């Protein structure tokens, strides 16, 4: 599994880690029962603080995507098997409309997370 972070991005590093894992789950690259790298191993490979990875894993656990167990690490839960097809179809439509309007992926992402109407 490829997890990357870019310190130059405005998004906090822990959110970048969590996002990488979410995308891997939602696209099927990770499935139920798969183990994630240990927080220490991932932190070392990304050259970030172990608490950064731990925060990402805790956020994923709060969302139900992973289960954290002391001594066992983080494991992908059954939520990975949920059918996200309808959501993917809506997002594909939004991406197509953004392309038609000439909007960048960053702008589309900002619109998706915006709480303003």
N, C-alpha and C. Protein backbone atom coordinates (compact mmCIF):
# COMPACT_ATOMS: atom_id res chain seq x y z
N UNK A 1 0.85 -1.17 0.00
CA UNK A 1 0.00 0.00 0.00
C UNK A 1 0.89 1.24 0.00
N UNK A 2 0.56 2.16 -0.84
CA UNK A 2 1.34 3.38 -0.96
C UNK A 2 0.66 4.51 -0.20
N UNK A 3 1.33 4.99 0.83
CA UNK A 3 0.86 6.14 1.61
C UNK A 3 1.91 7.21 1.47
N UNK A 4 1.47 8.38 1.06
CA UNK A 4 2.42 9.49 0.90
C UNK A 4 1.89 10.73 1.61
N UNK A 5 2.80 11.61 1.94
CA UNK A 5 2.42 12.91 2.50
C UNK A 5 3.27 13.97 1.81
N UNK A 6 2.73 15.16 1.77
CA UNK A 6 3.44 16.29 1.17
C UNK A 6 3.38 17.46 2.15
N UNK A 7 4.48 17.69 2.87
CA UNK A 7 4.48 18.77 3.87
C UNK A 7 4.16 20.15 3.31
N UNK A 8 4.30 20.35 2.01
CA UNK A 8 4.02 21.66 1.42
C UNK A 8 2.52 21.90 1.22
N UNK A 9 1.71 20.86 1.37
CA UNK A 9 0.27 21.01 1.20
C UNK A 9 -0.36 21.63 2.44
N UNK A 10 -1.47 22.34 2.28
CA UNK A 10 -2.12 22.96 3.45
C UNK A 10 -2.81 21.93 4.36
N UNK A 11 -3.15 20.78 3.81
CA UNK A 11 -3.81 19.75 4.58
C UNK A 11 -2.83 19.17 5.61
N UNK A 12 -3.24 19.06 6.89
CA UNK A 12 -2.34 18.50 7.90
C UNK A 12 -1.87 17.09 7.52
N UNK A 13 -0.69 16.74 7.97
CA UNK A 13 -0.10 15.44 7.62
C UNK A 13 -0.97 14.27 8.06
N UNK A 14 -1.56 14.35 9.25
CA UNK A 14 -2.40 13.24 9.71
C UNK A 14 -3.60 13.04 8.79
N UNK A 15 -4.15 14.14 8.27
CA UNK A 15 -5.27 14.04 7.35
C UNK A 15 -4.82 13.43 6.02
N UNK A 16 -3.61 13.74 5.58
CA UNK A 16 -3.09 13.15 4.35
C UNK A 16 -2.93 11.64 4.51
N UNK A 17 -2.42 11.21 5.67
CA UNK A 17 -2.27 9.77 5.93
C UNK A 17 -3.63 9.10 5.93
N UNK A 18 -4.57 9.66 6.68
CA UNK A 18 -5.91 9.08 6.76
C UNK A 18 -6.58 9.04 5.38
N UNK A 19 -6.41 10.10 4.61
CA UNK A 19 -6.99 10.16 3.28
C UNK A 19 -6.43 9.06 2.37
N UNK A 20 -5.12 8.84 2.44
CA UNK A 20 -4.50 7.79 1.63
C UNK A 20 -5.09 6.42 1.97
N UNK A 21 -5.28 6.17 3.25
CA UNK A 21 -5.84 4.88 3.67
C UNK A 21 -7.31 4.78 3.24
N UNK A 22 -8.08 5.85 3.45
CA UNK A 22 -9.49 5.84 3.02
C UNK A 22 -9.62 5.53 1.54
N UNK A 23 -8.81 6.20 0.74
CA UNK A 23 -8.88 5.98 -0.71
C UNK A 23 -8.52 4.54 -1.05
N UNK A 24 -7.51 4.00 -0.37
CA UNK A 24 -7.13 2.59 -0.62
C UNK A 24 -8.28 1.65 -0.27
N UNK A 25 -9.02 1.96 0.79
CA UNK A 25 -10.16 1.13 1.18
C UNK A 25 -11.30 1.30 0.17
N UNK A 26 -11.62 2.54 -0.16
CA UNK A 26 -12.77 2.81 -1.04
C UNK A 26 -12.54 2.33 -2.47
N UNK A 27 -11.30 2.21 -2.89
CA UNK A 27 -11.01 1.73 -4.23
C UNK A 27 -10.72 0.23 -4.26
N UNK A 28 -10.75 -0.41 -3.09
CA UNK A 28 -10.55 -1.85 -3.04
C UNK A 28 -9.11 -2.32 -2.95
N UNK A 29 -8.16 -1.38 -2.85
CA UNK A 29 -6.76 -1.80 -2.70
C UNK A 29 -6.51 -2.39 -1.31
N UNK A 30 -7.33 -2.00 -0.35
CA UNK A 30 -7.32 -2.60 0.99
C UNK A 30 -8.69 -3.20 1.23
N UNK A 31 -8.72 -4.35 1.87
CA UNK A 31 -10.00 -4.99 2.15
C UNK A 31 -10.04 -5.48 3.59
N UNK A 32 -11.20 -5.95 3.98
CA UNK A 32 -11.44 -6.41 5.35
C UNK A 32 -10.33 -7.37 5.79
N UNK A 33 -9.81 -7.10 6.98
CA UNK A 33 -8.80 -7.96 7.56
C UNK A 33 -7.37 -7.58 7.23
N UNK A 34 -7.19 -6.71 6.24
CA UNK A 34 -5.82 -6.27 5.92
C UNK A 34 -5.26 -5.46 7.08
N UNK A 35 -3.99 -5.70 7.35
CA UNK A 35 -3.32 -4.95 8.41
C UNK A 35 -2.59 -3.75 7.82
N UNK A 36 -2.68 -2.66 8.53
CA UNK A 36 -1.94 -1.46 8.14
C UNK A 36 -0.56 -1.53 8.77
N UNK A 37 0.39 -0.79 8.22
CA UNK A 37 1.72 -0.76 8.83
C UNK A 37 1.62 -0.27 10.28
N UNK A 38 2.53 -0.68 11.12
CA UNK A 38 2.54 -0.18 12.49
C UNK A 38 2.75 1.33 12.45
N UNK A 39 2.28 1.99 13.48
CA UNK A 39 2.44 3.44 13.52
C UNK A 39 3.91 3.83 13.45
N UNK A 40 4.74 3.08 14.15
CA UNK A 40 6.17 3.39 14.16
C UNK A 40 6.79 3.19 12.77
N UNK A 41 6.48 2.05 12.13
CA UNK A 41 7.04 1.79 10.80
C UNK A 41 6.59 2.83 9.78
N UNK A 42 5.30 3.16 9.81
CA UNK A 42 4.79 4.14 8.85
C UNK A 42 5.38 5.52 9.12
N UNK A 43 5.47 5.89 10.39
CA UNK A 43 6.05 7.19 10.73
C UNK A 43 7.49 7.28 10.24
N UNK A 44 8.25 6.22 10.42
CA UNK A 44 9.64 6.22 9.96
C UNK A 44 9.71 6.32 8.44
N UNK A 45 8.86 5.58 7.74
CA UNK A 45 8.92 5.60 6.27
C UNK A 45 8.48 6.94 5.69
N UNK A 46 7.56 7.62 6.38
CA UNK A 46 7.08 8.93 5.92
C UNK A 46 7.88 10.09 6.50
N UNK A 47 8.76 9.76 7.44
CA UNK A 47 9.56 10.77 8.14
C UNK A 47 8.67 11.79 8.84
N UNK A 48 7.68 11.26 9.59
CA UNK A 48 6.80 12.09 10.40
C UNK A 48 6.80 11.56 11.82
N UNK A 49 6.24 12.32 12.73
CA UNK A 49 6.13 11.91 14.12
C UNK A 49 5.14 10.76 14.24
N UNK A 50 5.42 9.82 15.13
CA UNK A 50 4.54 8.67 15.31
C UNK A 50 3.14 9.12 15.74
N UNK A 51 3.03 10.25 16.46
CA UNK A 51 1.71 10.74 16.86
C UNK A 51 0.88 11.20 15.67
N UNK A 52 1.53 11.61 14.59
CA UNK A 52 0.83 11.98 13.37
C UNK A 52 0.09 10.78 12.80
N UNK A 53 0.79 9.66 12.71
CA UNK A 53 0.19 8.43 12.19
C UNK A 53 -0.88 7.93 13.16
N UNK A 54 -0.60 7.98 14.45
CA UNK A 54 -1.57 7.53 15.44
C UNK A 54 -2.86 8.33 15.35
N UNK A 55 -2.75 9.64 15.16
CA UNK A 55 -3.95 10.47 15.01
C UNK A 55 -4.75 10.06 13.76
N UNK A 56 -4.04 9.80 12.67
CA UNK A 56 -4.73 9.36 11.44
C UNK A 56 -5.45 8.05 11.69
N UNK A 57 -4.77 7.09 12.33
CA UNK A 57 -5.38 5.79 12.61
C UNK A 57 -6.58 5.93 13.55
N UNK A 58 -6.47 6.82 14.53
CA UNK A 58 -7.60 7.03 15.45
C UNK A 58 -8.80 7.64 14.72
N UNK A 59 -8.54 8.57 13.81
CA UNK A 59 -9.63 9.14 13.01
C UNK A 59 -10.29 8.07 12.16
N UNK A 60 -9.49 7.21 11.55
CA UNK A 60 -10.03 6.12 10.74
C UNK A 60 -10.83 5.15 11.59
N UNK A 61 -10.37 4.91 12.81
CA UNK A 61 -11.11 4.03 13.72
C UNK A 61 -12.44 4.67 14.11
N UNK A 62 -12.44 5.97 14.36
CA UNK A 62 -13.67 6.68 14.71
C UNK A 62 -14.69 6.62 13.57
N UNK A 63 -14.20 6.58 12.34
CA UNK A 63 -15.08 6.49 11.17
C UNK A 63 -15.50 5.05 10.89
N UNK A 64 -14.91 4.10 11.59
CA UNK A 64 -15.26 2.70 11.41
C UNK A 64 -14.49 1.98 10.31
N UNK A 65 -13.47 2.61 9.76
CA UNK A 65 -12.71 1.98 8.68
C UNK A 65 -11.65 1.01 9.19
N UNK A 66 -11.11 1.28 10.36
CA UNK A 66 -10.09 0.38 10.93
C UNK A 66 -10.42 0.11 12.39
N UNK A 67 -9.87 -0.98 12.86
CA UNK A 67 -9.99 -1.35 14.27
C UNK A 67 -8.58 -1.31 14.85
N UNK A 68 -8.44 -0.66 15.99
CA UNK A 68 -7.14 -0.57 16.64
C UNK A 68 -7.13 -1.50 17.84
N UNK A 69 -6.10 -2.33 17.91
CA UNK A 69 -5.92 -3.22 19.06
C UNK A 69 -4.49 -3.17 19.51
N UNK A 70 -4.33 -2.96 20.80
CA UNK A 70 -2.98 -2.90 21.37
C UNK A 70 -2.25 -4.21 21.08
N UNK A 71 -1.06 -4.08 20.54
CA UNK A 71 -0.26 -5.26 20.24
C UNK A 71 -0.55 -5.88 18.89
N UNK A 72 -1.69 -5.55 18.30
CA UNK A 72 -2.06 -6.10 17.00
C UNK A 72 -2.03 -5.06 15.89
N UNK A 73 -2.08 -3.81 16.27
CA UNK A 73 -2.05 -2.74 15.28
C UNK A 73 -3.42 -2.41 14.73
N UNK A 74 -3.43 -1.86 13.54
CA UNK A 74 -4.65 -1.41 12.88
C UNK A 74 -5.03 -2.40 11.78
N UNK A 75 -6.29 -2.81 11.80
CA UNK A 75 -6.81 -3.76 10.82
C UNK A 75 -8.04 -3.16 10.15
N UNK A 76 -8.16 -3.34 8.85
CA UNK A 76 -9.31 -2.83 8.11
C UNK A 76 -10.55 -3.61 8.53
N UNK A 77 -11.64 -2.89 8.77
CA UNK A 77 -12.88 -3.50 9.24
C UNK A 77 -13.80 -3.90 8.08
N UNK A 78 -14.93 -4.47 8.46
CA UNK A 78 -15.93 -4.89 7.47
C UNK A 78 -16.50 -3.72 6.70
N UNK A 79 -16.39 -2.51 7.23
CA UNK A 79 -16.91 -1.34 6.52
C UNK A 79 -16.27 -1.20 5.14
N UNK A 80 -15.08 -1.78 4.99
CA UNK A 80 -14.40 -1.74 3.70
C UNK A 80 -15.20 -2.46 2.62
N UNK A 81 -16.07 -3.37 3.06
CA UNK A 81 -16.87 -4.13 2.11
C UNK A 81 -18.19 -3.45 1.78
N UNK A 82 -18.44 -2.31 2.40
CA UNK A 82 -19.69 -1.59 2.13
C UNK A 82 -19.75 -1.21 0.66
N UNK A 83 -20.95 -1.10 0.17
CA UNK A 83 -21.12 -0.76 -1.24
C UNK A 83 -21.11 0.76 -1.40
N UNK A 84 -20.01 1.26 -1.88
CA UNK A 84 -19.86 2.70 -2.11
C UNK A 84 -20.12 3.06 -3.57
N UNK A 85 -20.76 2.16 -4.32
CA UNK A 85 -20.97 2.39 -5.75
C UNK A 85 -21.80 3.65 -6.02
N UNK A 86 -22.87 3.84 -5.25
CA UNK A 86 -23.72 5.01 -5.47
C UNK A 86 -22.94 6.29 -5.20
N UNK A 87 -22.15 6.29 -4.13
CA UNK A 87 -21.34 7.47 -3.83
C UNK A 87 -20.32 7.72 -4.94
N UNK A 88 -19.68 6.64 -5.41
CA UNK A 88 -18.71 6.80 -6.50
C UNK A 88 -19.37 7.38 -7.75
N UNK A 89 -20.60 6.95 -8.04
CA UNK A 89 -21.32 7.45 -9.22
C UNK A 89 -21.60 8.95 -9.07
N UNK A 90 -22.04 9.37 -7.89
CA UNK A 90 -22.29 10.79 -7.65
C UNK A 90 -21.00 11.61 -7.79
N UNK A 91 -19.93 11.07 -7.23
CA UNK A 91 -18.65 11.78 -7.30
C UNK A 91 -18.13 11.85 -8.74
N UNK A 92 -18.36 10.78 -9.50
CA UNK A 92 -17.95 10.80 -10.90
C UNK A 92 -18.72 11.88 -11.66
N UNK A 93 -19.99 12.02 -11.35
CA UNK A 93 -20.79 13.07 -11.97
C UNK A 93 -20.29 14.46 -11.59
N UNK A 94 -19.95 14.62 -10.31
CA UNK A 94 -19.41 15.91 -9.85
C UNK A 94 -18.07 16.20 -10.52
N UNK A 95 -17.24 15.16 -10.65
CA UNK A 95 -15.93 15.34 -11.29
C UNK A 95 -16.11 15.71 -12.77
N UNK A 96 -17.07 15.07 -13.45
CA UNK A 96 -17.32 15.38 -14.85
C UNK A 96 -17.81 16.83 -15.01
N UNK A 97 -18.69 17.26 -14.12
CA UNK A 97 -19.19 18.64 -14.17
C UNK A 97 -18.07 19.63 -13.89
N UNK A 98 -17.21 19.30 -12.93
CA UNK A 98 -16.07 20.17 -12.62
C UNK A 98 -15.14 20.27 -13.83
N UNK A 99 -14.91 19.16 -14.51
CA UNK A 99 -14.09 19.16 -15.72
C UNK A 99 -14.73 20.05 -16.79
N UNK A 100 -16.04 19.93 -16.95
CA UNK A 100 -16.75 20.72 -17.95
C UNK A 100 -16.61 22.21 -17.65
N UNK A 101 -16.59 22.56 -16.36
CA UNK A 101 -16.47 23.95 -15.95
C UNK A 101 -15.02 24.43 -15.88
N UNK A 102 -14.10 23.50 -16.10
CA UNK A 102 -12.68 23.86 -16.06
C UNK A 102 -12.12 24.02 -14.65
N UNK A 103 -12.75 23.38 -13.68
CA UNK A 103 -12.29 23.48 -12.29
C UNK A 103 -11.23 22.43 -12.01
N UNK A 104 -10.26 22.77 -11.21
CA UNK A 104 -9.21 21.83 -10.84
C UNK A 104 -9.73 20.85 -9.79
N UNK A 105 -8.99 19.75 -9.61
CA UNK A 105 -9.35 18.78 -8.57
C UNK A 105 -9.31 19.43 -7.20
N UNK A 106 -8.36 20.32 -6.98
CA UNK A 106 -8.25 21.00 -5.69
C UNK A 106 -9.49 21.86 -5.43
N UNK A 107 -9.99 22.53 -6.46
CA UNK A 107 -11.18 23.35 -6.30
C UNK A 107 -12.39 22.48 -6.03
N UNK A 108 -12.51 21.37 -6.74
CA UNK A 108 -13.61 20.44 -6.51
C UNK A 108 -13.55 19.91 -5.08
N UNK A 109 -12.37 19.52 -4.63
CA UNK A 109 -12.22 19.02 -3.26
C UNK A 109 -12.62 20.09 -2.25
N UNK A 110 -12.23 21.32 -2.50
CA UNK A 110 -12.60 22.42 -1.59
C UNK A 110 -14.11 22.60 -1.55
N UNK A 111 -14.75 22.47 -2.70
CA UNK A 111 -16.21 22.59 -2.74
C UNK A 111 -16.87 21.45 -1.98
N UNK A 112 -16.30 20.26 -2.09
CA UNK A 112 -16.87 19.10 -1.40
C UNK A 112 -16.80 19.24 0.12
N UNK A 113 -15.73 19.83 0.62
CA UNK A 113 -15.59 19.93 2.06
C UNK A 113 -16.15 21.24 2.62
N UNK A 114 -16.53 22.14 1.75
CA UNK A 114 -17.07 23.42 2.17
C UNK A 114 -18.42 23.24 2.85
N UNK A 115 -18.62 23.96 3.91
CA UNK A 115 -19.89 23.91 4.64
C UNK A 115 -20.82 25.04 4.18
N UNK A 116 -20.30 25.91 3.32
CA UNK A 116 -21.10 27.03 2.82
C UNK A 116 -21.99 26.55 1.68
N UNK A 117 -23.10 27.25 1.50
CA UNK A 117 -24.01 26.90 0.41
C UNK A 117 -23.88 27.87 -0.71
